[in-house]
Amino acid sequence: MYDFKIKDAAYDVEAIRKEFYRGKGLNAVKRLEKNGFSAYYAEDCSEAGKILLSLIPDNSTIGVGDSHTVYALDLDDELRRKGCTAIPNIAALNLHSYRSESYGYIKAPTREEARAILAEYLTSNVFLLGANAITMKGEIVNVDGVGNRIAGSLYGADRIIVVAGVNKLVPDENAARERIRFIAAPMDNLKYGDTCACVQTGICPSCGSPKRICNITSIIHKKPIESDFHVIIVGEELGF
């Protein structure tokens, strides 16, 4: 008898995955560039971090939208070395969030100081965020509960940078919406400890919960006029 082994038929899955991600990511970059964005493909978080740091001028104020893709790059120390100040979304509070006890907000001692932080956040040198989905037509799709991330991504900052893993790439706008309903929204609700219907059923049924986080949708079809807009696609699965 021959001594056959099951694994003799196996291929290098990691190499196949890496090649697939690269091809898909580079095609997305081409579509984004066609839509006017400055776009880049990074093989991994390390390379993405280097690209991102090269796009952030020294001594910048950086508004940061809630993004586990951005958190995965772990850039706090490098940004401090560049003399930068990063303002997280939980510190950029409007009046209602300043009065709220939810979501672990970092509150300035006075409302006036909080207002100044919010103004810096929305008119920062660089606004940095992730994406819920990026279509293979070169569109950026985000859904917010409060709207601070979307607001910062549209107007006010000198430079806007979106970072997204290849898991955020989808064929078109409909697929983007489905990805958000089926993956991003339920996982975000789990993060916040909310028991919306999407957590219980696995898909967003357009619920009426007061804690609903699918309240505001932005679709950036092409680079906004007179904006400095960059997108980094990372060849790893990152964030929600």
C-alpha atoms as a PDB file:
ATOM      1  CA  MET A   1       0.000   0.000   0.000  1.00  0.00           C
ATOM      2  CA  TYR A   2       1.077   3.527  -0.713  1.00  0.00           C
ATOM      3  CA  ASP A   3       1.415   5.836   2.266  1.00  0.00           C
ATOM      4  CA  PHE A   4      -0.795   8.671   1.035  1.00  0.00           C
ATOM      5  CA  LYS A   5      -1.349  11.740   3.185  1.00  0.00           C
ATOM      6  CA  ILE A   6      -4.324  14.067   2.961  1.00  0.00           C
ATOM      7  CA  LYS A   7      -2.138  17.140   3.215  1.00  0.00           C
ATOM      8  CA  ASP A   8      -0.183  16.094   0.085  1.00  0.00           C
ATOM      9  CA  ALA A   9      -3.044  17.667  -1.916  1.00  0.00           C
ATOM     10  CA  ALA A  10      -2.886  20.975  -0.049  1.00  0.00           C
ATOM     11  CA  TYR A  11      -1.722  24.281  -1.495  1.00  0.00           C
ATOM     12  CA  ASP A  12      -0.199  27.261   0.271  1.00  0.00           C
ATOM     13  CA  VAL A  13      -3.439  28.884   1.370  1.00  0.00           C
ATOM     14  CA  GLU A  14      -1.729  31.940   2.857  1.00  0.00           C
ATOM     15  CA  ALA A  15       0.127  32.626  -0.398  1.00  0.00           C
ATOM     16  CA  ILE A  16      -3.121  32.269  -2.384  1.00  0.00           C
ATOM     17  CA  ARG A  17      -4.956  34.561   0.018  1.00  0.00           C
ATOM     18  CA  LYS A  18      -2.180  37.152  -0.140  1.00  0.00           C
ATOM     19  CA  GLU A  19      -2.186  37.123  -3.946  1.00  0.00           C
ATOM     20  CA  PHE A  20      -5.988  37.374  -4.021  1.00  0.00           C
ATOM     21  CA  TYR A  21      -5.964  40.293  -1.591  1.00  0.00           C
ATOM     22  CA  ARG A  22      -3.255  42.073  -3.585  1.00  0.00           C
ATOM     23  CA  GLY A  23      -5.122  41.733  -6.890  1.00  0.00           C
ATOM     24  CA  LYS A  24      -8.406  42.852  -5.377  1.00  0.00           C
ATOM     25  CA  GLY A  25      -6.764  45.702  -3.464  1.00  0.00           C
ATOM     26  CA  LEU A  26      -4.844  47.016  -6.463  1.00  0.00           C
ATOM     27  CA  ASN A  27      -8.002  46.966  -8.582  1.00  0.00           C
ATOM     28  CA  ALA A  28      -9.803  48.952  -5.881  1.00  0.00           C
ATOM     29  CA  VAL A  29      -6.922  51.446  -5.857  1.00  0.00           C
ATOM     30  CA  LYS A  30      -7.316  51.943  -9.627  1.00  0.00           C
ATOM     31  CA  ARG A  31     -11.045  52.606  -9.273  1.00  0.00           C
ATOM     32  CA  LEU A  32     -10.485  55.013  -6.391  1.00  0.00           C
ATOM     33  CA  GLU A  33      -7.851  56.888  -8.409  1.00  0.00           C
ATOM     34  CA  LYS A  34     -10.257  57.060 -11.338  1.00  0.00           C
ATOM     35  CA  ASN A  35     -12.710  58.776  -8.979  1.00  0.00           C
ATOM     36  CA  GLY A  36     -10.111  61.370  -8.044  1.00  0.00           C
ATOM     37  CA  PHE A  37      -8.841  59.969  -4.738  1.00  0.00           C
ATOM     38  CA  SER A  38      -5.156  59.491  -3.992  1.00  0.00           C
ATOM     39  CA  ALA A  39      -5.072  55.745  -3.280  1.00  0.00           C
ATOM     40  CA  TYR A  40      -2.459  53.263  -2.058  1.00  0.00           C
ATOM     41  CA  TYR A  41      -2.187  49.522  -1.482  1.00  0.00           C
ATOM     42  CA  ALA A  42      -0.279  48.249   1.559  1.00  0.00           C
ATOM     43  CA  GLU A  43       0.553  44.567   2.044  1.00  0.00           C
ATOM     44  CA  ASP A  44       0.055  44.725   5.815  1.00  0.00           C
ATOM     45  CA  CYS A  45      -0.445  47.011   8.822  1.00  0.00           C
ATOM     46  CA  SER A  46       3.250  47.796   9.047  1.00  0.00           C
ATOM     47  CA  GLU A  47       3.393  49.103   5.482  1.00  0.00           C
ATOM     48  CA  ALA A  48       0.072  50.905   5.909  1.00  0.00           C
ATOM     49  CA  GLY A  49       1.438  52.646   8.993  1.00  0.00           C
ATOM     50  CA  LYS A  50       4.463  53.906   7.068  1.00  0.00           C
ATOM     51  CA  ILE A  51       2.273  55.256   4.246  1.00  0.00           C
ATOM     52  CA  LEU A  52      -0.045  56.904   6.740  1.00  0.00           C
ATOM     53  CA  LEU A  53       2.781  58.550   8.690  1.00  0.00           C
ATOM     54  CA  SER A  54       4.216  59.905   5.434  1.00  0.00           C
ATOM     55  CA  LEU A  55       0.860  61.619   4.777  1.00  0.00           C
ATOM     56  CA  ILE A  56       0.680  63.300   8.195  1.00  0.00           C
ATOM     57  CA  PRO A  57       2.780  66.491   8.508  1.00  0.00           C
ATOM     58  CA  ASP A  58       4.748  67.037  11.701  1.00  0.00           C
ATOM     59  CA  ASN A  59       2.932  68.906  14.479  1.00  0.00           C
ATOM     60  CA  SER A  60      -0.479  68.153  13.001  1.00  0.00           C
ATOM     61  CA  THR A  61      -3.765  68.059  14.848  1.00  0.00           C
ATOM     62  CA  ILE A  62      -5.507  64.823  13.885  1.00  0.00           C
ATOM     63  CA  GLY A  63      -9.207  64.122  14.279  1.00  0.00           C
ATOM     64  CA  VAL A  64      -9.739  60.368  14.598  1.00  0.00           C
ATOM     65  CA  GLY A  65     -13.064  58.717  13.801  1.00  0.00           C
ATOM     66  CA  ASP A  66     -13.894  55.528  15.688  1.00  0.00           C
ATOM     67  CA  SER A  67     -12.088  52.822  13.685  1.00  0.00           C
ATOM     68  CA  HIS A  68     -10.608  49.517  14.792  1.00  0.00           C
ATOM     69  CA  THR A  69      -8.654  49.467  11.540  1.00  0.00           C
ATOM     70  CA  VAL A  70      -6.915  52.676  12.595  1.00  0.00           C
ATOM     71  CA  TYR A  71      -6.394  51.328  16.122  1.00  0.00           C
ATOM     72  CA  ALA A  72      -4.722  48.214  14.671  1.00  0.00           C
ATOM     73  CA  LEU A  73      -1.962  50.394  13.172  1.00  0.00           C
ATOM     74  CA  ASP A  74      -0.909  51.376  16.732  1.00  0.00           C
ATOM     75  CA  LEU A  75       0.505  54.786  15.800  1.00  0.00           C
ATOM     76  CA  ASP A  76       0.289  56.738  19.077  1.00  0.00           C
ATOM     77  CA  ASP A  77       4.027  56.643  19.821  1.00  0.00           C
ATOM     78  CA  GLU A  78       5.037  57.519  16.257  1.00  0.00           C
ATOM     79  CA  LEU A  79       2.600  60.426  16.151  1.00  0.00           C
ATOM     80  CA  ARG A  80       3.952  61.790  19.434  1.00  0.00           C
ATOM     81  CA  ARG A  81       7.459  61.659  17.980  1.00  0.00           C
ATOM     82  CA  LYS A  82       6.186  63.763  15.072  1.00  0.00           C
ATOM     83  CA  GLY A  83       4.779  66.300  17.526  1.00  0.00           C
ATOM     84  CA  CYS A  84       1.193  65.497  16.547  1.00  0.00           C
ATOM     85  CA  THR A  85      -1.931  65.744  18.697  1.00  0.00           C
ATOM     86  CA  ALA A  86      -4.614  63.122  18.058  1.00  0.00           C
ATOM     87  CA  ILE A  87      -8.201  63.849  19.131  1.00  0.00           C
ATOM     88  CA  PRO A  88     -10.312  60.667  19.451  1.00  0.00           C
ATOM     89  CA  ASN A  89     -14.019  60.768  18.702  1.00  0.00           C
ATOM     90  CA  ILE A  90     -14.863  60.213  22.382  1.00  0.00           C
ATOM     91  CA  ALA A  91     -13.263  63.579  23.234  1.00  0.00           C
ATOM     92  CA  ALA A  92     -14.972  65.620  20.479  1.00  0.00           C
ATOM     93  CA  LEU A  93     -18.352  66.230  22.071  1.00  0.00           C
ATOM     94  CA  ASN A  94     -21.365  68.274  21.047  1.00  0.00           C
ATOM     95  CA  LEU A  95     -23.721  69.621  23.720  1.00  0.00           C
ATOM     96  CA  HIS A  96     -25.841  66.475  23.951  1.00  0.00           C
ATOM     97  CA  SER A  97     -22.915  64.054  24.179  1.00  0.00           C
ATOM     98  CA  TYR A  98     -21.273  66.345  26.744  1.00  0.00           C
ATOM     99  CA  ARG A  99     -24.349  65.881  28.921  1.00  0.00           C
ATOM    100  CA  SER A 100     -24.486  62.130  28.281  1.00  0.00           C
ATOM    101  CA  GLU A 101     -23.058  59.379  30.469  1.00  0.00           C
ATOM    102  CA  SER A 102     -22.780  56.897  27.581  1.00  0.00           C
ATOM    103  CA  TYR A 103     -19.862  55.355  25.672  1.00  0.00           C
ATOM    104  CA  GLY A 104     -17.000  56.430  27.940  1.00  0.00           C
ATOM    105  CA  TYR A 105     -16.716  60.014  26.709  1.00  0.00           C
ATOM    106  CA  ILE A 106     -13.621  61.984  27.771  1.00  0.00           C
ATOM    107  CA  LYS A 107     -15.060  65.256  29.042  1.00  0.00           C
ATOM    108  CA  ALA A 108     -13.218  68.554  29.282  1.00  0.00           C
ATOM    109  CA  PRO A 109     -13.750  70.422  32.562  1.00  0.00           C
ATOM    110  CA  THR A 110     -16.130  72.935  30.957  1.00  0.00           C
ATOM    111  CA  ARG A 111     -18.510  72.975  28.028  1.00  0.00           C
ATOM    112  CA  GLU A 112     -16.523  75.849  26.494  1.00  0.00           C
ATOM    113  CA  GLU A 113     -13.330  73.758  26.486  1.00  0.00           C
ATOM    114  CA  ALA A 114     -15.231  70.805  25.033  1.00  0.00           C
ATOM    115  CA  ARG A 115     -16.552  73.058  22.284  1.00  0.00           C
ATOM    116  CA  ALA A 116     -12.997  74.162  21.414  1.00  0.00           C
ATOM    117  CA  ILE A 117     -11.901  70.505  21.184  1.00  0.00           C
ATOM    118  CA  LEU A 118     -14.852  69.741  18.902  1.00  0.00           C
ATOM    119  CA  ALA A 119     -13.913  72.656  16.649  1.00  0.00           C
ATOM    120  CA  GLU A 120     -10.318  71.392  16.417  1.00  0.00           C
ATOM    121  CA  TYR A 121     -11.597  67.887  15.671  1.00  0.00           C
ATOM    122  CA  LEU A 122     -13.777  69.014  12.770  1.00  0.00           C
ATOM    123  CA  THR A 123     -11.237  71.472  11.316  1.00  0.00           C
ATOM    124  CA  SER A 124      -8.111  69.406  11.980  1.00  0.00           C
ATOM    125  CA  ASN A 125      -5.010  69.305   9.811  1.00  0.00           C
ATOM    126  CA  VAL A 126      -5.787  65.630   9.160  1.00  0.00           C
ATOM    127  CA  PHE A 127      -9.002  63.675   9.682  1.00  0.00           C
ATOM    128  CA  LEU A 128      -8.388  59.925   9.941  1.00  0.00           C
ATOM    129  CA  LEU A 129     -11.055  57.238   9.753  1.00  0.00           C
ATOM    130  CA  GLY A 130     -11.944  53.786   8.502  1.00  0.00           C
ATOM    131  CA  ALA A 131     -14.714  52.667   6.149  1.00  0.00           C
ATOM    132  CA  ASN A 132     -17.654  50.330   6.600  1.00  0.00           C
ATOM    133  CA  ALA A 133     -17.325  49.430   2.931  1.00  0.00           C
ATOM    134  CA  ILE A 134     -15.492  50.439  -0.234  1.00  0.00           C
ATOM    135  CA  THR A 135     -16.989  49.385  -3.541  1.00  0.00           C
ATOM    136  CA  MET A 136     -15.016  48.056  -6.470  1.00  0.00           C
ATOM    137  CA  LYS A 137     -16.385  51.086  -8.313  1.00  0.00           C
ATOM    138  CA  GLY A 138     -14.272  53.277  -6.044  1.00  0.00           C
ATOM    139  CA  GLU A 139     -16.959  54.559  -3.656  1.00  0.00           C
ATOM    140  CA  ILE A 140     -16.613  54.945   0.127  1.00  0.00           C
ATOM    141  CA  VAL A 141     -19.635  53.984   2.247  1.00  0.00           C
ATOM    142  CA  ASN A 142     -20.056  54.723   5.955  1.00  0.00           C
ATOM    143  CA  VAL A 143     -22.975  54.505   8.373  1.00  0.00           C
ATOM    144  CA  ASP A 144     -22.973  56.378  11.706  1.00  0.00           C
ATOM    145  CA  GLY A 145     -25.123  56.517  14.771  1.00  0.00           C
ATOM    146  CA  VAL A 146     -24.098  60.012  15.918  1.00  0.00           C
ATOM    147  CA  GLY A 147     -22.513  61.456  12.773  1.00  0.00           C
ATOM    148  CA  ASN A 148     -19.187  62.803  14.074  1.00  0.00           C
ATOM    149  CA  ARG A 149     -17.141  60.413  11.928  1.00  0.00           C
ATOM    150  CA  ILE A 150     -19.124  61.170   8.780  1.00  0.00           C
ATOM    151  CA  ALA A 151     -19.058  64.909   9.472  1.00  0.00           C
ATOM    152  CA  GLY A 152     -15.265  64.869   9.794  1.00  0.00           C
ATOM    153  CA  SER A 153     -14.884  62.853   6.604  1.00  0.00           C
ATOM    154  CA  LEU A 154     -16.783  65.297   4.403  1.00  0.00           C
ATOM    155  CA  TYR A 155     -15.637  68.841   5.017  1.00  0.00           C
ATOM    156  CA  GLY A 156     -13.419  70.935   7.284  1.00  0.00           C
ATOM    157  CA  ALA A 157     -10.106  69.085   7.592  1.00  0.00           C
ATOM    158  CA  ASP A 158      -7.104  70.049   5.485  1.00  0.00           C
ATOM    159  CA  ARG A 159      -6.511  66.391   4.587  1.00  0.00           C
ATOM    160  CA  ILE A 160      -8.754  63.337   4.914  1.00  0.00           C
ATOM    161  CA  ILE A 161      -7.327  59.804   5.105  1.00  0.00           C
ATOM    162  CA  VAL A 162      -9.402  56.609   5.002  1.00  0.00           C
ATOM    163  CA  VAL A 163      -7.766  53.294   5.948  1.00  0.00           C
ATOM    164  CA  ALA A 164      -9.557  50.023   5.185  1.00  0.00           C
ATOM    165  CA  GLY A 165      -8.739  46.326   5.171  1.00  0.00           C
ATOM    166  CA  VAL A 166      -9.545  44.187   2.141  1.00  0.00           C
ATOM    167  CA  ASN A 167     -12.502  42.715   4.017  1.00  0.00           C
ATOM    168  CA  LYS A 168     -14.241  46.066   3.441  1.00  0.00           C
ATOM    169  CA  LEU A 169     -14.100  45.689  -0.369  1.00  0.00           C
ATOM    170  CA  VAL A 170     -17.473  44.857  -1.944  1.00  0.00           C
ATOM    171  CA  PRO A 171     -18.797  44.784  -5.522  1.00  0.00           C
ATOM    172  CA  ASP A 172     -21.201  47.741  -5.412  1.00  0.00           C
ATOM    173  CA  GLU A 173     -23.376  50.034  -3.290  1.00  0.00           C
ATOM    174  CA  ASN A 174     -26.028  47.379  -2.609  1.00  0.00           C
ATOM    175  CA  ALA A 175     -23.347  44.980  -1.398  1.00  0.00           C
ATOM    176  CA  ALA A 176     -21.942  47.756   0.793  1.00  0.00           C
ATOM    177  CA  ARG A 177     -25.307  48.248   2.457  1.00  0.00           C
ATOM    178  CA  GLU A 178     -25.695  44.501   2.950  1.00  0.00           C
ATOM    179  CA  ARG A 179     -22.219  44.239   4.455  1.00  0.00           C
ATOM    180  CA  ILE A 180     -23.087  46.967   6.943  1.00  0.00           C
ATOM    181  CA  ARG A 181     -26.422  45.368   7.861  1.00  0.00           C
ATOM    182  CA  PHE A 182     -25.067  41.812   8.081  1.00  0.00           C
ATOM    183  CA  ILE A 183     -21.577  42.354   9.548  1.00  0.00           C
ATOM    184  CA  ALA A 184     -20.593  45.864  10.621  1.00  0.00           C
ATOM    185  CA  ALA A 185     -23.729  46.978  12.457  1.00  0.00           C
ATOM    186  CA  PRO A 186     -24.243  43.804  14.533  1.00  0.00           C
ATOM    187  CA  MET A 187     -20.566  43.719  15.524  1.00  0.00           C
ATOM    188  CA  ASP A 188     -20.574  47.411  16.442  1.00  0.00           C
ATOM    189  CA  ASN A 189     -23.618  46.867  18.622  1.00  0.00           C
ATOM    190  CA  LEU A 190     -21.855  43.989  20.368  1.00  0.00           C
ATOM    191  CA  LYS A 191     -18.892  46.316  20.981  1.00  0.00           C
ATOM    192  CA  TYR A 192     -21.164  48.810  22.716  1.00  0.00           C
ATOM    193  CA  GLY A 193     -23.041  46.123  24.620  1.00  0.00           C
ATOM    194  CA  ASP A 194     -26.313  47.018  22.909  1.00  0.00           C
ATOM    195  CA  THR A 195     -28.975  44.361  22.309  1.00  0.00           C
ATOM    196  CA  CYS A 196     -30.507  45.719  19.106  1.00  0.00           C
ATOM    197  CA  ALA A 197     -32.390  43.292  16.875  1.00  0.00           C
ATOM    198  CA  CYS A 198     -29.361  42.869  14.581  1.00  0.00           C
ATOM    199  CA  VAL A 199     -27.411  41.305  17.467  1.00  0.00           C
ATOM    200  CA  GLN A 200     -30.208  38.843  18.142  1.00  0.00           C
ATOM    201  CA  THR A 201     -30.999  37.977  14.517  1.00  0.00           C
ATOM    202  CA  GLY A 202     -27.625  38.536  12.815  1.00  0.00           C
ATOM    203  CA  ILE A 203     -28.943  41.141  10.390  1.00  0.00           C
ATOM    204  CA  CYS A 204     -30.261  44.688  10.746  1.00  0.00           C
ATOM    205  CA  PRO A 205     -34.067  44.743  10.249  1.00  0.00           C
ATOM    206  CA  SER A 206     -34.211  48.576  10.250  1.00  0.00           C
ATOM    207  CA  CYS A 207     -35.243  48.551  13.888  1.00  0.00           C
ATOM    208  CA  GLY A 208     -36.688  51.432  15.881  1.00  0.00           C
ATOM    209  CA  SER A 209     -34.407  51.040  18.893  1.00  0.00           C
ATOM    210  CA  PRO A 210     -33.417  54.298  20.641  1.00  0.00           C
ATOM    211  CA  LYS A 211     -29.871  52.900  20.653  1.00  0.00           C
ATOM    212  CA  ARG A 212     -29.893  52.270  16.893  1.00  0.00           C
ATOM    213  CA  ILE A 213     -26.502  53.063  15.319  1.00  0.00           C
ATOM    214  CA  CYS A 214     -27.595  52.994  11.653  1.00  0.00           C
ATOM    215  CA  ASN A 215     -28.877  56.573  11.481  1.00  0.00           C
ATOM    216  CA  ILE A 216     -26.723  58.425   8.945  1.00  0.00           C
ATOM    217  CA  THR A 217     -25.315  57.076   5.678  1.00  0.00           C
ATOM    218  CA  SER A 218     -22.644  58.729   3.530  1.00  0.00           C
ATOM    219  CA  ILE A 219     -21.595  57.548   0.082  1.00  0.00           C
ATOM    220  CA  ILE A 220     -18.616  59.403  -1.338  1.00  0.00           C
ATOM    221  CA  HIS A 221     -18.872  58.642  -5.039  1.00  0.00           C
ATOM    222  CA  LYS A 222     -15.917  60.767  -6.112  1.00  0.00           C
ATOM    223  CA  LYS A 223     -13.345  62.981  -4.427  1.00  0.00           C
ATOM    224  CA  PRO A 224     -15.123  66.078  -3.096  1.00  0.00           C
ATOM    225  CA  ILE A 225     -14.244  69.295  -4.924  1.00  0.00           C
ATOM    226  CA  GLU A 226     -11.125  71.053  -3.625  1.00  0.00           C
ATOM    227  CA  SER A 227     -10.388  68.326  -1.085  1.00  0.00           C
ATOM    228  CA  ASP A 228      -7.152  66.486  -0.272  1.00  0.00           C
ATOM    229  CA  PHE A 229      -8.508  62.958   0.071  1.00  0.00           C
ATOM    230  CA  HIS A 230      -6.428  59.766   0.488  1.00  0.00           C
ATOM    231  CA  VAL A 231      -7.422  56.103   0.788  1.00  0.00           C
ATOM    232  CA  ILE A 232      -5.143  53.285   1.981  1.00  0.00           C
ATOM    233  CA  ILE A 233      -6.241  49.701   1.264  1.00  0.00           C
ATOM    234  CA  VAL A 234      -4.510  47.146   3.506  1.00  0.00           C
ATOM    235  CA  GLY A 235      -4.024  43.519   2.449  1.00  0.00           C
ATOM    236  CA  GLU A 236      -5.368  42.183   5.751  1.00  0.00           C
ATOM    237  CA  GLU A 237      -8.777  41.693   7.300  1.00  0.00           C
ATOM    238  CA  LEU A 238      -9.173  44.582   9.751  1.00  0.00           C
ATOM    239  CA  GLY A 239     -11.945  46.044  11.881  1.00  0.00           C
ATOM    240  CA  PHE A 240     -15.636  45.337  11.511  1.00  0.00           C
END
